Amino acid sequence: MGLLKKFRDTITFARHRLRNDKGHTALGQFGEDLAVNALLAEGYSILERNAVIYGREVDIIAIEKELLVFIEVKTRSNHSFGKPLQAVDNKRRKRYRKAGDLYLVKKKLKNTSLRFDVVTVDFTGGDNPEVTIIRNAF
């Protein structure tokens, strides 16, 4: 598990450094890629990334232990706007819950339990980001 994640992270770092765009969206994409690596290492199966469900974007939709999981990824390079988890406010939580309900209807999934996780990617410590998976965050 650890060696495969390190390999994926190395590839992710290399791809990020080769990109021409180094702005806000590049950092967010980089954080999402690292989040996917961490989720795969924890046994999640990724179903979709950047899914748009009736106008609501969900960063990652995955399955963990037969449970459908909607995952918000928050990446920060500094704490000027707060820590990553602080950005998942009540409005965002409400949108994710609504997206989850609409996804179940759209995919005609019955008797399916949903969980909402958050993955934070914090670069404030330098080049070694801290990736944290918060299960059942809301």
N, C-alpha and C. Protein backbone atom coordinates (compact mmCIF):
# COMPACT_ATOMS: atom_id res chain seq x y z
N MET A 1 0.83 -1.18 0.00
CA MET A 1 0.00 0.00 0.00
C MET A 1 0.87 1.25 0.00
N GLY A 2 1.84 1.38 0.87
CA GLY A 2 2.66 2.56 0.97
C GLY A 2 3.53 2.79 -0.24
N LEU A 3 4.12 1.75 -0.77
CA LEU A 3 5.01 1.87 -1.92
C LEU A 3 4.24 2.30 -3.17
N LEU A 4 3.08 1.72 -3.38
CA LEU A 4 2.26 2.08 -4.54
C LEU A 4 1.81 3.54 -4.44
N LYS A 5 1.40 3.99 -3.26
CA LYS A 5 0.99 5.37 -3.08
C LYS A 5 2.16 6.31 -3.33
N LYS A 6 3.35 5.97 -2.84
CA LYS A 6 4.52 6.82 -3.06
C LYS A 6 4.82 6.92 -4.55
N PHE A 7 4.69 5.81 -5.27
CA PHE A 7 4.92 5.81 -6.71
C PHE A 7 3.90 6.72 -7.40
N ARG A 8 2.62 6.57 -7.05
CA ARG A 8 1.59 7.42 -7.65
C ARG A 8 1.84 8.89 -7.33
N ASP A 9 2.22 9.19 -6.09
CA ASP A 9 2.50 10.57 -5.71
C ASP A 9 3.69 11.13 -6.49
N THR A 10 4.71 10.32 -6.71
CA THR A 10 5.87 10.77 -7.49
C THR A 10 5.47 11.12 -8.91
N ILE A 11 4.66 10.29 -9.52
CA ILE A 11 4.16 10.57 -10.88
C ILE A 11 3.31 11.83 -10.87
N THR A 12 2.45 11.97 -9.87
CA THR A 12 1.59 13.15 -9.76
C THR A 12 2.42 14.42 -9.62
N PHE A 13 3.44 14.38 -8.77
CA PHE A 13 4.33 15.54 -8.59
C PHE A 13 5.02 15.89 -9.90
N ALA A 14 5.50 14.89 -10.62
CA ALA A 14 6.19 15.12 -11.89
C ALA A 14 5.25 15.76 -12.91
N ARG A 15 4.03 15.24 -13.03
CA ARG A 15 3.06 15.81 -13.96
C ARG A 15 2.74 17.25 -13.61
N HIS A 16 2.59 17.52 -12.32
CA HIS A 16 2.28 18.88 -11.89
C HIS A 16 3.41 19.84 -12.23
N ARG A 17 4.64 19.43 -12.01
CA ARG A 17 5.78 20.30 -12.28
C ARG A 17 5.96 20.57 -13.78
N LEU A 18 5.50 19.64 -14.63
CA LEU A 18 5.63 19.81 -16.07
C LEU A 18 4.54 20.69 -16.69
N ARG A 19 3.48 20.92 -15.94
CA ARG A 19 2.40 21.75 -16.46
C ARG A 19 2.86 23.19 -16.61
N ASN A 20 2.31 23.85 -17.62
CA ASN A 20 2.63 25.26 -17.83
C ASN A 20 1.84 26.17 -16.90
N ASP A 21 0.60 25.79 -16.59
CA ASP A 21 -0.22 26.64 -15.73
C ASP A 21 0.04 26.31 -14.27
N LYS A 22 0.44 27.31 -13.52
CA LYS A 22 0.78 27.10 -12.11
C LYS A 22 -0.17 27.85 -11.19
N GLY A 23 -1.32 28.25 -11.70
CA GLY A 23 -2.25 29.05 -10.94
C GLY A 23 -3.13 28.24 -10.01
N HIS A 24 -4.20 28.90 -9.61
CA HIS A 24 -5.16 28.36 -8.64
C HIS A 24 -5.76 27.02 -9.10
N THR A 25 -6.18 26.95 -10.37
CA THR A 25 -6.80 25.72 -10.85
C THR A 25 -5.79 24.58 -10.92
N ALA A 26 -4.54 24.90 -11.24
CA ALA A 26 -3.51 23.86 -11.29
C ALA A 26 -3.27 23.29 -9.90
N LEU A 27 -3.25 24.16 -8.89
CA LEU A 27 -3.05 23.68 -7.52
C LEU A 27 -4.23 22.80 -7.10
N GLY A 28 -5.45 23.22 -7.45
CA GLY A 28 -6.62 22.42 -7.12
C GLY A 28 -6.59 21.05 -7.78
N GLN A 29 -6.20 21.02 -9.05
CA GLN A 29 -6.10 19.75 -9.77
C GLN A 29 -5.03 18.86 -9.16
N PHE A 30 -3.90 19.47 -8.81
CA PHE A 30 -2.81 18.75 -8.17
C PHE A 30 -3.29 18.14 -6.85
N GLY A 31 -4.00 18.94 -6.06
CA GLY A 31 -4.56 18.44 -4.79
C GLY A 31 -5.53 17.30 -5.00
N GLU A 32 -6.37 17.41 -6.04
CA GLU A 32 -7.31 16.34 -6.34
C GLU A 32 -6.59 15.06 -6.73
N ASP A 33 -5.53 15.19 -7.52
CA ASP A 33 -4.75 14.02 -7.92
C ASP A 33 -4.14 13.34 -6.69
N LEU A 34 -3.60 14.13 -5.77
CA LEU A 34 -3.03 13.56 -4.54
C LEU A 34 -4.12 12.93 -3.67
N ALA A 35 -5.29 13.55 -3.66
CA ALA A 35 -6.42 12.99 -2.90
C ALA A 35 -6.82 11.62 -3.46
N VAL A 36 -6.88 11.52 -4.79
CA VAL A 36 -7.22 10.23 -5.42
C VAL A 36 -6.19 9.17 -5.03
N ASN A 37 -4.91 9.54 -5.05
CA ASN A 37 -3.86 8.59 -4.65
C ASN A 37 -4.09 8.09 -3.23
N ALA A 38 -4.40 9.02 -2.32
CA ALA A 38 -4.63 8.65 -0.92
C ALA A 38 -5.87 7.78 -0.79
N LEU A 39 -6.92 8.10 -1.52
CA LEU A 39 -8.16 7.31 -1.45
C LEU A 39 -7.94 5.90 -1.98
N LEU A 40 -7.23 5.78 -3.09
CA LEU A 40 -6.93 4.45 -3.64
C LEU A 40 -6.11 3.63 -2.65
N ALA A 41 -5.16 4.28 -1.98
CA ALA A 41 -4.33 3.59 -1.00
C ALA A 41 -5.15 3.10 0.19
N GLU A 42 -6.27 3.78 0.46
CA GLU A 42 -7.15 3.40 1.57
C GLU A 42 -8.23 2.41 1.16
N GLY A 43 -8.21 2.00 -0.11
CA GLY A 43 -9.17 0.98 -0.56
C GLY A 43 -10.41 1.51 -1.23
N TYR A 44 -10.49 2.79 -1.50
CA TYR A 44 -11.63 3.34 -2.23
C TYR A 44 -11.53 2.94 -3.70
N SER A 45 -12.68 2.79 -4.35
CA SER A 45 -12.74 2.62 -5.80
C SER A 45 -13.34 3.89 -6.37
N ILE A 46 -12.61 4.55 -7.24
CA ILE A 46 -13.07 5.82 -7.80
C ILE A 46 -14.02 5.54 -8.96
N LEU A 47 -15.22 6.11 -8.89
CA LEU A 47 -16.20 5.97 -9.95
C LEU A 47 -16.15 7.14 -10.92
N GLU A 48 -16.12 8.36 -10.37
CA GLU A 48 -16.15 9.55 -11.21
C GLU A 48 -15.34 10.66 -10.55
N ARG A 49 -14.82 11.54 -11.39
CA ARG A 49 -14.15 12.75 -10.92
C ARG A 49 -14.79 13.95 -11.60
N ASN A 50 -14.95 15.02 -10.83
CA ASN A 50 -15.55 16.26 -11.34
C ASN A 50 -16.89 16.00 -12.01
N ALA A 51 -17.70 15.21 -11.35
CA ALA A 51 -19.03 14.88 -11.86
C ALA A 51 -19.96 16.07 -11.68
N VAL A 52 -20.74 16.36 -12.71
CA VAL A 52 -21.73 17.43 -12.63
C VAL A 52 -23.10 16.77 -12.61
N ILE A 53 -23.82 17.02 -11.53
CA ILE A 53 -25.13 16.41 -11.34
C ILE A 53 -26.14 17.54 -11.25
N TYR A 54 -26.87 17.76 -12.35
CA TYR A 54 -27.87 18.83 -12.42
C TYR A 54 -27.29 20.15 -11.91
N GLY A 55 -26.13 20.52 -12.44
CA GLY A 55 -25.51 21.79 -12.12
C GLY A 55 -24.67 21.83 -10.86
N ARG A 56 -24.58 20.72 -10.16
CA ARG A 56 -23.79 20.67 -8.93
C ARG A 56 -22.57 19.81 -9.17
N GLU A 57 -21.38 20.38 -8.95
CA GLU A 57 -20.15 19.61 -9.19
C GLU A 57 -19.73 18.88 -7.92
N VAL A 58 -19.37 17.63 -8.10
CA VAL A 58 -18.83 16.79 -7.03
C VAL A 58 -17.42 16.41 -7.44
N ASP A 59 -16.45 16.67 -6.56
CA ASP A 59 -15.05 16.42 -6.91
C ASP A 59 -14.80 14.96 -7.22
N ILE A 60 -15.21 14.08 -6.30
CA ILE A 60 -14.96 12.64 -6.49
C ILE A 60 -16.17 11.85 -5.99
N ILE A 61 -16.56 10.87 -6.77
CA ILE A 61 -17.57 9.90 -6.33
C ILE A 61 -16.86 8.55 -6.31
N ALA A 62 -16.98 7.87 -5.17
CA ALA A 62 -16.25 6.62 -4.99
C ALA A 62 -17.10 5.62 -4.23
N ILE A 63 -16.56 4.41 -4.15
CA ILE A 63 -17.17 3.36 -3.33
C ILE A 63 -16.12 2.92 -2.33
N GLU A 64 -16.54 2.82 -1.08
CA GLU A 64 -15.70 2.24 -0.05
C GLU A 64 -16.55 1.26 0.75
N LYS A 65 -16.13 0.02 0.73
CA LYS A 65 -16.85 -1.03 1.46
C LYS A 65 -18.35 -1.01 1.15
N GLU A 66 -18.66 -1.03 -0.13
CA GLU A 66 -20.04 -1.08 -0.63
C GLU A 66 -20.87 0.14 -0.27
N LEU A 67 -20.23 1.23 0.08
CA LEU A 67 -20.91 2.47 0.43
C LEU A 67 -20.56 3.52 -0.61
N LEU A 68 -21.56 4.21 -1.13
CA LEU A 68 -21.34 5.27 -2.11
C LEU A 68 -20.88 6.52 -1.35
N VAL A 69 -19.74 7.07 -1.78
CA VAL A 69 -19.13 8.18 -1.05
C VAL A 69 -18.94 9.37 -1.98
N PHE A 70 -19.45 10.52 -1.56
CA PHE A 70 -19.24 11.77 -2.27
C PHE A 70 -18.14 12.51 -1.53
N ILE A 71 -17.11 12.94 -2.28
CA ILE A 71 -15.91 13.47 -1.64
C ILE A 71 -15.61 14.88 -2.15
N GLU A 72 -15.50 15.81 -1.22
CA GLU A 72 -15.08 17.18 -1.52
C GLU A 72 -13.60 17.27 -1.21
N VAL A 73 -12.82 17.84 -2.12
CA VAL A 73 -11.38 18.00 -1.92
C VAL A 73 -11.08 19.48 -1.75
N LYS A 74 -10.36 19.81 -0.69
CA LYS A 74 -9.97 21.19 -0.43
C LYS A 74 -8.45 21.25 -0.33
N THR A 75 -7.85 22.08 -1.18
CA THR A 75 -6.39 22.22 -1.23
C THR A 75 -6.03 23.65 -0.86
N ARG A 76 -5.01 23.79 -0.03
CA ARG A 76 -4.54 25.11 0.38
C ARG A 76 -3.02 25.17 0.32
N SER A 77 -2.51 26.30 -0.19
CA SER A 77 -1.07 26.54 -0.19
C SER A 77 -0.69 27.48 0.95
N ASN A 78 -1.70 28.16 1.52
CA ASN A 78 -1.50 28.99 2.71
C ASN A 78 -2.83 29.07 3.45
N HIS A 79 -2.82 29.65 4.60
CA HIS A 79 -4.04 29.70 5.41
C HIS A 79 -4.66 31.10 5.44
N SER A 80 -4.40 31.90 4.40
CA SER A 80 -4.96 33.25 4.33
C SER A 80 -6.49 33.22 4.37
N PHE A 81 -7.07 32.21 3.76
CA PHE A 81 -8.52 32.08 3.74
C PHE A 81 -8.99 30.97 4.69
N GLY A 82 -8.15 30.60 5.64
CA GLY A 82 -8.50 29.56 6.60
C GLY A 82 -7.91 28.22 6.20
N LYS A 83 -8.08 27.27 7.08
CA LYS A 83 -7.61 25.91 6.82
C LYS A 83 -8.56 25.24 5.84
N PRO A 84 -8.10 24.19 5.16
CA PRO A 84 -8.92 23.57 4.10
C PRO A 84 -10.32 23.15 4.57
N LEU A 85 -10.42 22.52 5.71
CA LEU A 85 -11.72 22.02 6.18
C LEU A 85 -12.70 23.16 6.45
N GLN A 86 -12.20 24.34 6.81
CA GLN A 86 -13.07 25.48 7.09
C GLN A 86 -13.81 25.94 5.84
N ALA A 87 -13.31 25.60 4.68
CA ALA A 87 -13.96 26.01 3.42
C ALA A 87 -15.19 25.18 3.10
N VAL A 88 -15.39 24.09 3.83
CA VAL A 88 -16.57 23.25 3.60
C VAL A 88 -17.65 23.75 4.56
N ASP A 89 -18.29 24.83 4.13
CA ASP A 89 -19.30 25.48 4.98
C ASP A 89 -20.66 24.81 4.81
N ASN A 90 -21.66 25.33 5.53
CA ASN A 90 -23.00 24.74 5.48
C ASN A 90 -23.60 24.79 4.08
N LYS A 91 -23.33 25.84 3.33
CA LYS A 91 -23.86 25.95 1.96
C LYS A 91 -23.31 24.83 1.09
N ARG A 92 -22.01 24.59 1.19
CA ARG A 92 -21.38 23.53 0.38
C ARG A 92 -21.90 22.16 0.82
N ARG A 93 -22.07 21.97 2.10
CA ARG A 93 -22.60 20.69 2.60
C ARG A 93 -24.00 20.44 2.06
N LYS A 94 -24.81 21.48 2.08
CA LYS A 94 -26.19 21.35 1.58
C LYS A 94 -26.19 21.00 0.09
N ARG A 95 -25.30 21.65 -0.69
CA ARG A 95 -25.21 21.35 -2.12
C ARG A 95 -24.78 19.90 -2.37
N TYR A 96 -23.84 19.42 -1.56
CA TYR A 96 -23.37 18.04 -1.71
C TYR A 96 -24.48 17.05 -1.37
N ARG A 97 -25.21 17.33 -0.32
CA ARG A 97 -26.33 16.43 0.05
C ARG A 97 -27.37 16.39 -1.06
N LYS A 98 -27.68 17.56 -1.61
CA LYS A 98 -28.65 17.63 -2.71
C LYS A 98 -28.12 16.88 -3.93
N ALA A 99 -26.83 17.06 -4.24
CA ALA A 99 -26.22 16.35 -5.37
C ALA A 99 -26.30 14.84 -5.15
N GLY A 100 -26.07 14.40 -3.91
CA GLY A 100 -26.16 12.98 -3.59
C GLY A 100 -27.54 12.43 -3.85
N ASP A 101 -28.55 13.17 -3.39
CA ASP A 101 -29.94 12.74 -3.61
C ASP A 101 -30.27 12.68 -5.10
N LEU A 102 -29.85 13.70 -5.84
CA LEU A 102 -30.11 13.74 -7.28
C LEU A 102 -29.36 12.64 -8.02
N TYR A 103 -28.16 12.33 -7.57
CA TYR A 103 -27.36 11.26 -8.19
C TYR A 103 -28.07 9.92 -8.04
N LEU A 104 -28.61 9.66 -6.85
CA LEU A 104 -29.34 8.40 -6.62
C LEU A 104 -30.54 8.30 -7.55
N VAL A 105 -31.24 9.40 -7.75
CA VAL A 105 -32.40 9.41 -8.65
C VAL A 105 -31.95 9.22 -10.09
N LYS A 106 -30.91 9.98 -10.49
CA LYS A 106 -30.40 9.92 -11.87
C LYS A 106 -29.93 8.51 -12.24
N LYS A 107 -29.24 7.85 -11.31
CA LYS A 107 -28.70 6.51 -11.57
C LYS A 107 -29.68 5.40 -11.19
N LYS A 108 -30.86 5.80 -10.71
CA LYS A 108 -31.91 4.84 -10.31
C LYS A 108 -31.39 3.84 -9.28
N LEU A 109 -30.70 4.37 -8.28
CA LEU A 109 -30.15 3.54 -7.21
C LEU A 109 -31.10 3.56 -6.02
N LYS A 110 -31.54 2.40 -5.65
CA LYS A 110 -32.43 2.30 -4.49
C LYS A 110 -31.71 1.53 -3.39
N ASN A 111 -32.10 1.78 -2.17
CA ASN A 111 -31.49 1.12 -1.01
C ASN A 111 -29.97 1.30 -0.99
N THR A 112 -29.53 2.48 -1.37
CA THR A 112 -28.10 2.79 -1.39
C THR A 112 -27.81 3.85 -0.34
N SER A 113 -26.86 3.57 0.52
CA SER A 113 -26.47 4.53 1.55
C SER A 113 -25.39 5.45 1.01
N LEU A 114 -25.48 6.71 1.40
CA LEU A 114 -24.49 7.71 1.00
C LEU A 114 -23.66 8.13 2.20
N ARG A 115 -22.42 8.49 1.92
CA ARG A 115 -21.58 9.09 2.94
C ARG A 115 -20.86 10.27 2.29
N PHE A 116 -20.58 11.27 3.08
CA PHE A 116 -19.91 12.46 2.58
C PHE A 116 -18.59 12.62 3.30
N ASP A 117 -17.50 12.53 2.53
CA ASP A 117 -16.15 12.67 3.07
C ASP A 117 -15.52 13.96 2.55
N VAL A 118 -14.50 14.38 3.24
CA VAL A 118 -13.70 15.52 2.80
C VAL A 118 -12.24 15.07 2.82
N VAL A 119 -11.50 15.44 1.78
CA VAL A 119 -10.07 15.22 1.76
C VAL A 119 -9.42 16.60 1.74
N THR A 120 -8.56 16.84 2.72
CA THR A 120 -7.83 18.11 2.76
C THR A 120 -6.40 17.86 2.31
N VAL A 121 -5.90 18.80 1.50
CA VAL A 121 -4.53 18.75 1.03
C VAL A 121 -3.90 20.09 1.40
N ASP A 122 -2.95 20.03 2.32
CA ASP A 122 -2.38 21.25 2.90
C ASP A 122 -0.90 21.34 2.55
N PHE A 123 -0.56 22.36 1.74
CA PHE A 123 0.82 22.57 1.29
C PHE A 123 1.57 23.57 2.16
N THR A 124 1.01 23.99 3.29
CA THR A 124 1.66 25.03 4.09
C THR A 124 2.97 24.56 4.69
N GLY A 125 3.20 23.27 4.72
CA GLY A 125 4.46 22.73 5.25
C GLY A 125 5.55 22.63 4.21
N GLY A 126 5.32 23.15 3.02
CA GLY A 126 6.34 23.07 1.96
C GLY A 126 5.93 22.11 0.87
N ASP A 127 6.93 21.44 0.27
CA ASP A 127 6.67 20.53 -0.86
C ASP A 127 6.03 19.22 -0.44
N ASN A 128 6.04 18.91 0.84
CA ASN A 128 5.44 17.68 1.33
C ASN A 128 4.04 17.95 1.84
N PRO A 129 3.01 17.82 1.00
CA PRO A 129 1.66 18.16 1.44
C PRO A 129 1.13 17.15 2.45
N GLU A 130 0.30 17.65 3.34
CA GLU A 130 -0.39 16.78 4.30
C GLU A 130 -1.76 16.47 3.73
N VAL A 131 -2.01 15.19 3.44
CA VAL A 131 -3.29 14.76 2.87
C VAL A 131 -4.04 14.02 3.97
N THR A 132 -5.25 14.51 4.27
CA THR A 132 -6.06 13.92 5.33
C THR A 132 -7.44 13.56 4.79
N ILE A 133 -7.85 12.33 5.04
CA ILE A 133 -9.18 11.86 4.66
C ILE A 133 -10.07 11.93 5.90
N ILE A 134 -11.15 12.67 5.78
CA ILE A 134 -12.10 12.80 6.89
C ILE A 134 -13.38 12.08 6.48
N ARG A 135 -13.55 10.90 7.01
CA ARG A 135 -14.72 10.10 6.67
C ARG A 135 -15.95 10.63 7.42
N ASN A 136 -17.09 10.54 6.75
CA ASN A 136 -18.36 10.97 7.35
C ASN A 136 -18.23 12.39 7.90
N ALA A 137 -17.67 13.29 7.09
CA ALA A 137 -17.38 14.66 7.53
C ALA A 137 -18.64 15.47 7.81
N PHE A 138 -19.72 15.13 7.10
CA PHE A 138 -21.00 15.83 7.34
C PHE A 138 -22.15 14.96 6.91
